[in-house]
PDB file of N, CA and C in Angstrom:
ATOM      1  N   MET A   1       5.983  -4.978 -19.038  1.00  0.00           N
ATOM      2  CA  MET A   1       6.174  -5.752 -17.827  1.00  0.00           C
ATOM      3  C   MET A   1       6.272  -4.782 -16.661  1.00  0.00           C
ATOM      4  N   GLY A   2       5.586  -5.043 -15.559  1.00  0.00           N
ATOM      5  CA  GLY A   2       5.601  -4.169 -14.400  1.00  0.00           C
ATOM      6  C   GLY A   2       6.792  -4.440 -13.510  1.00  0.00           C
ATOM      7  N   THR A   3       7.118  -3.440 -12.701  1.00  0.00           N
ATOM      8  CA  THR A   3       8.218  -3.577 -11.764  1.00  0.00           C
ATOM      9  C   THR A   3       7.874  -2.875 -10.469  1.00  0.00           C
ATOM     10  N   THR A   4       8.416  -3.341  -9.378  1.00  0.00           N
ATOM     11  CA  THR A   4       8.153  -2.715  -8.096  1.00  0.00           C
ATOM     12  C   THR A   4       9.256  -1.741  -7.715  1.00  0.00           C
ATOM     13  N   SER A   5      10.334  -1.697  -8.481  1.00  0.00           N
ATOM     14  CA  SER A   5      11.412  -0.779  -8.153  1.00  0.00           C
ATOM     15  C   SER A   5      11.074   0.620  -8.661  1.00  0.00           C
ATOM     16  N   PRO A   6      11.598   1.654  -7.976  1.00  0.00           N
ATOM     17  CA  PRO A   6      11.317   3.023  -8.396  1.00  0.00           C
ATOM     18  C   PRO A   6      11.795   3.263  -9.823  1.00  0.00           C
ATOM     19  N   GLU A   7      11.110   4.143 -10.510  1.00  0.00           N
ATOM     20  CA  GLU A   7      11.474   4.455 -11.873  1.00  0.00           C
ATOM     21  C   GLU A   7      12.662   5.407 -11.879  1.00  0.00           C
ATOM     22  N   PRO A   8      13.633   5.188 -12.762  1.00  0.00           N
ATOM     23  CA  PRO A   8      14.776   6.089 -12.811  1.00  0.00           C
ATOM     24  C   PRO A   8      14.370   7.451 -13.358  1.00  0.00           C
ATOM     25  N   THR A   9      15.053   8.486 -12.892  1.00  0.00           N
ATOM     26  CA  THR A   9      14.834   9.840 -13.366  1.00  0.00           C
ATOM     27  C   THR A   9      16.178  10.395 -13.806  1.00  0.00           C
ATOM     28  N   ALA A  10      16.244  11.003 -14.981  1.00  0.00           N
ATOM     29  CA  ALA A  10      17.517  11.506 -15.506  1.00  0.00           C
ATOM     30  C   ALA A  10      17.876  12.826 -14.850  1.00  0.00           C
ATOM     31  N   TRP A  11      19.146  12.968 -14.469  1.00  0.00           N
ATOM     32  CA  TRP A  11      19.692  14.232 -13.992  1.00  0.00           C
ATOM     33  C   TRP A  11      20.223  14.991 -15.189  1.00  0.00           C
ATOM     34  N   SER A  12      20.444  16.263 -15.033  1.00  0.00           N
ATOM     35  CA  SER A  12      20.952  17.069 -16.146  1.00  0.00           C
ATOM     36  C   SER A  12      22.346  16.621 -16.571  1.00  0.00           C
ATOM     37  N   SER A  13      23.119  15.994 -15.675  1.00  0.00           N
ATOM     38  CA  SER A  13      24.466  15.545 -16.008  1.00  0.00           C
ATOM     39  C   SER A  13      24.458  14.217 -16.768  1.00  0.00           C
ATOM     40  N   GLY A  14      23.290  13.650 -16.988  1.00  0.00           N
ATOM     41  CA  GLY A  14      23.196  12.389 -17.694  1.00  0.00           C
ATOM     42  C   GLY A  14      23.163  11.190 -16.775  1.00  0.00           C
ATOM     43  N   GLN A  15      23.373  11.407 -15.482  1.00  0.00           N
ATOM     44  CA  GLN A  15      23.287  10.314 -14.519  1.00  0.00           C
ATOM     45  C   GLN A  15      21.827   9.964 -14.295  1.00  0.00           C
ATOM     46  N   VAL A  16      21.587   8.749 -13.834  1.00  0.00           N
ATOM     47  CA  VAL A  16      20.232   8.310 -13.544  1.00  0.00           C
ATOM     48  C   VAL A  16      20.128   8.091 -12.041  1.00  0.00           C
ATOM     49  N   ARG A  17      19.059   8.587 -11.428  1.00  0.00           N
ATOM     50  CA  ARG A  17      18.826   8.391  -9.999  1.00  0.00           C
ATOM     51  C   ARG A  17      17.460   7.762  -9.813  1.00  0.00           C
ATOM     52  N   GLN A  18      17.248   7.166  -8.649  1.00  0.00           N
ATOM     53  CA  GLN A  18      15.960   6.552  -8.340  1.00  0.00           C
ATOM     54  C   GLN A  18      15.006   7.621  -7.844  1.00  0.00           C
ATOM     55  N   GLU A  19      13.786   7.587  -8.330  1.00  0.00           N
ATOM     56  CA  GLU A  19      12.747   8.524  -7.918  1.00  0.00           C
ATOM     57  C   GLU A  19      12.316   8.178  -6.491  1.00  0.00           C
ATOM     58  N   SER A  20      12.229   9.195  -5.619  1.00  0.00           N
ATOM     59  CA  SER A  20      11.824   8.936  -4.234  1.00  0.00           C
ATOM     60  C   SER A  20      10.341   8.583  -4.176  1.00  0.00           C
ATOM     61  N   LEU A  21       9.949   7.988  -3.057  1.00  0.00           N
ATOM     62  CA  LEU A  21       8.556   7.624  -2.847  1.00  0.00           C
ATOM     63  C   LEU A  21       7.673   8.874  -2.906  1.00  0.00           C
ATOM     64  N   GLU A  22       8.130   9.956  -2.275  1.00  0.00           N
ATOM     65  CA  GLU A  22       7.361  11.203  -2.270  1.00  0.00           C
ATOM     66  C   GLU A  22       7.196  11.763  -3.686  1.00  0.00           C
ATOM     67  N   GLU A  23       8.276  11.716  -4.481  1.00  0.00           N
ATOM     68  CA  GLU A  23       8.201  12.186  -5.865  1.00  0.00           C
ATOM     69  C   GLU A  23       7.230  11.341  -6.691  1.00  0.00           C
ATOM     70  N   ARG A  24       7.307  10.049  -6.487  1.00  0.00           N
ATOM     71  CA  ARG A  24       6.433   9.141  -7.237  1.00  0.00           C
ATOM     72  C   ARG A  24       4.969   9.366  -6.874  1.00  0.00           C
ATOM     73  N   ALA A  25       4.688   9.516  -5.578  1.00  0.00           N
ATOM     74  CA  ALA A  25       3.312   9.758  -5.133  1.00  0.00           C
ATOM     75  C   ALA A  25       2.796  11.075  -5.693  1.00  0.00           C
ATOM     76  N   ARG A  26       3.613  12.118  -5.649  1.00  0.00           N
ATOM     77  CA  ARG A  26       3.216  13.431  -6.174  1.00  0.00           C
ATOM     78  C   ARG A  26       2.908  13.328  -7.681  1.00  0.00           C
ATOM     79  N   ARG A  27       3.776  12.625  -8.419  1.00  0.00           N
ATOM     80  CA  ARG A  27       3.584  12.484  -9.866  1.00  0.00           C
ATOM     81  C   ARG A  27       2.293  11.737 -10.186  1.00  0.00           C
ATOM     82  N   LYS A  28       1.948  10.757  -9.356  1.00  0.00           N
ATOM     83  CA  LYS A  28       0.742   9.963  -9.599  1.00  0.00           C
ATOM     84  C   LYS A  28      -0.507  10.580  -8.991  1.00  0.00           C
ATOM     85  N   GLY A  29      -0.341  11.695  -8.254  1.00  0.00           N
ATOM     86  CA  GLY A  29      -1.502  12.360  -7.663  1.00  0.00           C
ATOM     87  C   GLY A  29      -2.042  11.655  -6.436  1.00  0.00           C
ATOM     88  N   VAL A  30      -1.195  10.896  -5.753  1.00  0.00           N
ATOM     89  CA  VAL A  30      -1.601  10.162  -4.557  1.00  0.00           C
ATOM     90  C   VAL A  30      -1.411  11.058  -3.343  1.00  0.00           C
ATOM     91  N   SER A  31      -2.391  11.042  -2.453  1.00  0.00           N
ATOM     92  CA  SER A  31      -2.279  11.841  -1.234  1.00  0.00           C
ATOM     93  C   SER A  31      -2.360  10.931  -0.011  1.00  0.00           C
ATOM     94  N   PRO A  32      -1.826  11.398   1.130  1.00  0.00           N
ATOM     95  CA  PRO A  32      -1.876  10.577   2.345  1.00  0.00           C
ATOM     96  C   PRO A  32      -3.311  10.345   2.803  1.00  0.00           C
ATOM     97  N   ILE A  33      -3.517   9.265   3.530  1.00  0.00           N
ATOM     98  CA  ILE A  33      -4.831   8.963   4.101  1.00  0.00           C
ATOM     99  C   ILE A  33      -5.063   9.909   5.264  1.00  0.00           C
ATOM    100  N   ALA A  34      -6.149  10.637   5.236  1.00  0.00           N
ATOM    101  CA  ALA A  34      -6.465  11.604   6.289  1.00  0.00           C
ATOM    102  C   ALA A  34      -7.307  10.983   7.390  1.00  0.00           C
ATOM    103  N   SER A  35      -8.053   9.934   7.057  1.00  0.00           N
ATOM    104  CA  SER A  35      -8.967   9.329   8.012  1.00  0.00           C
ATOM    105  C   SER A  35      -9.155   7.856   7.678  1.00  0.00           C
ATOM    106  N   VAL A  36      -9.472   7.073   8.691  1.00  0.00           N
ATOM    107  CA  VAL A  36      -9.766   5.659   8.468  1.00  0.00           C
ATOM    108  C   VAL A  36     -10.963   5.505   7.530  1.00  0.00           C
ATOM    109  N   HIS A  37     -11.827   6.481   7.496  1.00  0.00           N
ATOM    110  CA  HIS A  37     -12.996   6.422   6.616  1.00  0.00           C
ATOM    111  C   HIS A  37     -12.599   6.459   5.138  1.00  0.00           C
ATOM    112  N   ASP A  38     -11.399   6.976   4.846  1.00  0.00           N
ATOM    113  CA  ASP A  38     -10.902   6.967   3.465  1.00  0.00           C
ATOM    114  C   ASP A  38     -10.706   5.541   2.962  1.00  0.00           C
ATOM    115  N   LEU A  39     -10.527   4.591   3.872  1.00  0.00           N
ATOM    116  CA  LEU A  39     -10.272   3.206   3.496  1.00  0.00           C
ATOM    117  C   LEU A  39     -11.530   2.370   3.325  1.00  0.00           C
ATOM    118  N   SER A  40     -12.650   2.869   3.804  1.00  0.00           N
ATOM    119  CA  SER A  40     -13.873   2.072   3.760  1.00  0.00           C
ATOM    120  C   SER A  40     -14.546   2.171   2.399  1.00  0.00           C
ATOM    121  N   ARG A  41     -15.040   1.043   1.950  1.00  0.00           N
ATOM    122  CA  ARG A  41     -15.808   1.010   0.706  1.00  0.00           C
ATOM    123  C   ARG A  41     -16.604  -0.283   0.656  1.00  0.00           C
ATOM    124  N   GLU A  42     -17.640  -0.284  -0.100  1.00  0.00           N
ATOM    125  CA  GLU A  42     -18.511  -1.456  -0.254  1.00  0.00           C
ATOM    126  C   GLU A  42     -17.832  -2.515  -1.119  1.00  0.00           C
ATOM    127  N   GLY A  43     -18.159  -3.775  -0.855  1.00  0.00           N
ATOM    128  CA  GLY A  43     -17.738  -4.856  -1.738  1.00  0.00           C
ATOM    129  C   GLY A  43     -16.361  -5.427  -1.481  1.00  0.00           C
ATOM    130  N   ILE A  44     -15.711  -5.076  -0.382  1.00  0.00           N
ATOM    131  CA  ILE A  44     -14.391  -5.643  -0.123  1.00  0.00           C
ATOM    132  C   ILE A  44     -14.518  -7.123   0.223  1.00  0.00           C
ATOM    133  N   TRP A  45     -15.485  -7.464   1.056  1.00  0.00           N
ATOM    134  CA  TRP A  45     -15.700  -8.854   1.468  1.00  0.00           C
ATOM    135  C   TRP A  45     -16.914  -9.404   0.748  1.00  0.00           C
ATOM    136  N   GLU A  46     -16.775 -10.595   0.207  1.00  0.00           N
ATOM    137  CA  GLU A  46     -17.886 -11.218  -0.517  1.00  0.00           C
ATOM    138  C   GLU A  46     -18.970 -11.721   0.415  1.00  0.00           C
ATOM    139  N   SER A  47     -18.592 -12.015   1.671  1.00  0.00           N
ATOM    140  CA  SER A  47     -19.569 -12.518   2.633  1.00  0.00           C
ATOM    141  C   SER A  47     -19.099 -12.201   4.051  1.00  0.00           C
ATOM    142  N   ASP A  48     -20.019 -12.318   5.005  1.00  0.00           N
ATOM    143  CA  ASP A  48     -19.656 -12.139   6.407  1.00  0.00           C
ATOM    144  C   ASP A  48     -18.671 -13.226   6.839  1.00  0.00           C
ATOM    145  N   GLN A  49     -18.802 -14.411   6.288  1.00  0.00           N
ATOM    146  CA  GLN A  49     -17.899 -15.517   6.617  1.00  0.00           C
ATOM    147  C   GLN A  49     -16.467 -15.175   6.185  1.00  0.00           C
ATOM    148  N   GLU A  50     -16.319 -14.605   5.004  1.00  0.00           N
ATOM    149  CA  GLU A  50     -14.991 -14.227   4.528  1.00  0.00           C
ATOM    150  C   GLU A  50     -14.366 -13.185   5.457  1.00  0.00           C
ATOM    151  N   LEU A  51     -15.143 -12.196   5.889  1.00  0.00           N
ATOM    152  CA  LEU A  51     -14.666 -11.187   6.831  1.00  0.00           C
ATOM    153  C   LEU A  51     -14.268 -11.845   8.156  1.00  0.00           C
ATOM    154  N   ASP A  52     -15.104 -12.734   8.671  1.00  0.00           N
ATOM    155  CA  ASP A  52     -14.804 -13.425   9.925  1.00  0.00           C
ATOM    156  C   ASP A  52     -13.511 -14.227   9.828  1.00  0.00           C
ATOM    157  N   GLU A  53     -13.278 -14.893   8.702  1.00  0.00           N
ATOM    158  CA  GLU A  53     -12.052 -15.665   8.506  1.00  0.00           C
ATOM    159  C   GLU A  53     -10.833 -14.748   8.502  1.00  0.00           C
ATOM    160  N   PHE A  54     -10.955 -13.605   7.873  1.00  0.00           N
ATOM    161  CA  PHE A  54      -9.860 -12.644   7.858  1.00  0.00           C
ATOM    162  C   PHE A  54      -9.558 -12.143   9.272  1.00  0.00           C
ATOM    163  N   LEU A  55     -10.597 -11.772  10.016  1.00  0.00           N
ATOM    164  CA  LEU A  55     -10.404 -11.269  11.376  1.00  0.00           C
ATOM    165  C   LEU A  55      -9.783 -12.334  12.275  1.00  0.00           C
ATOM    166  N   GLU A  56     -10.185 -13.584  12.106  1.00  0.00           N
ATOM    167  CA  GLU A  56      -9.593 -14.666  12.884  1.00  0.00           C
ATOM    168  C   GLU A  56      -8.115 -14.831  12.535  1.00  0.00           C
ATOM    169  N   HIS A  57      -7.784 -14.707  11.272  1.00  0.00           N
ATOM    170  CA  HIS A  57      -6.385 -14.781  10.844  1.00  0.00           C
ATOM    171  C   HIS A  57      -5.567 -13.661  11.499  1.00  0.00           C
ATOM    172  N   VAL A  58      -6.100 -12.458  11.517  1.00  0.00           N
ATOM    173  CA  VAL A  58      -5.399 -11.327  12.136  1.00  0.00           C
ATOM    174  C   VAL A  58      -5.214 -11.579  13.631  1.00  0.00           C
ATOM    175  N   ARG A  59      -6.271 -12.027  14.305  1.00  0.00           N
ATOM    176  CA  ARG A  59      -6.169 -12.328  15.749  1.00  0.00           C
ATOM    177  C   ARG A  59      -5.094 -13.393  16.018  1.00  0.00           C
ATOM    178  N   ALA A  60      -5.110 -14.456  15.222  1.00  0.00           N
ATOM    179  CA  ALA A  60      -4.138 -15.535  15.404  1.00  0.00           C
ATOM    180  C   ALA A  60      -2.715 -15.034  15.150  1.00  0.00           C
ATOM    181  N   SER A  61      -2.521 -14.216  14.153  1.00  0.00           N
ATOM    182  CA  SER A  61      -1.197 -13.656  13.862  1.00  0.00           C
ATOM    183  C   SER A  61      -0.698 -12.793  15.004  1.00  0.00           C
ATOM    184  N   ARG A  62      -1.579 -11.986  15.551  1.00  0.00           N
ATOM    185  CA  ARG A  62      -1.182 -11.123  16.676  1.00  0.00           C
ATOM    186  C   ARG A  62      -0.865 -11.947  17.912  1.00  0.00           C
ATOM    187  N   GLN A  63      -1.617 -12.989  18.168  1.00  0.00           N
ATOM    188  CA  GLN A  63      -1.350 -13.852  19.313  1.00  0.00           C
ATOM    189  C   GLN A  63      -0.008 -14.574  19.137  1.00  0.00           C
ATOM    190  N   ALA A  64       0.303 -14.995  17.923  1.00  0.00           N
ATOM    191  CA  ALA A  64       1.558 -15.668  17.659  1.00  0.00           C
ATOM    192  C   ALA A  64       2.733 -14.736  17.916  1.00  0.00           C
ATOM    193  N   ASP A  65       2.576 -13.450  17.623  1.00  0.00           N
ATOM    194  CA  ASP A  65       3.638 -12.489  17.846  1.00  0.00           C
ATOM    195  C   ASP A  65       3.881 -12.242  19.330  1.00  0.00           C
ATOM    196  N   LEU A  66       2.882 -12.515  20.177  1.00  0.00           N
ATOM    197  CA  LEU A  66       3.033 -12.306  21.613  1.00  0.00           C
ATOM    198  C   LEU A  66       3.770 -13.452  22.299  1.00  0.00           C
ATOM    199  N   ALA A  67       3.775 -14.608  21.652  1.00  0.00           N
ATOM    200  CA  ALA A  67       4.385 -15.797  22.270  1.00  0.00           C
ATOM    201  C   ALA A  67       5.888 -15.752  22.239  1.00  0.00           C
TER     202      ALA A  67
END
């Protein structure tokens, strides 16, 4: 079963502590995004209509935050 909470890490004294985000990322080999181009890839949107609906949702959300 998966969990979203950090995985515990044992200390030498037998206590358990929560693994930091940085430790977890390092262990998994994850690196920070260096460029917006790192996020681009083919096949995210099934159609132009799906992309347009998403962009409209984002615009509407931002407008709602301004009110």
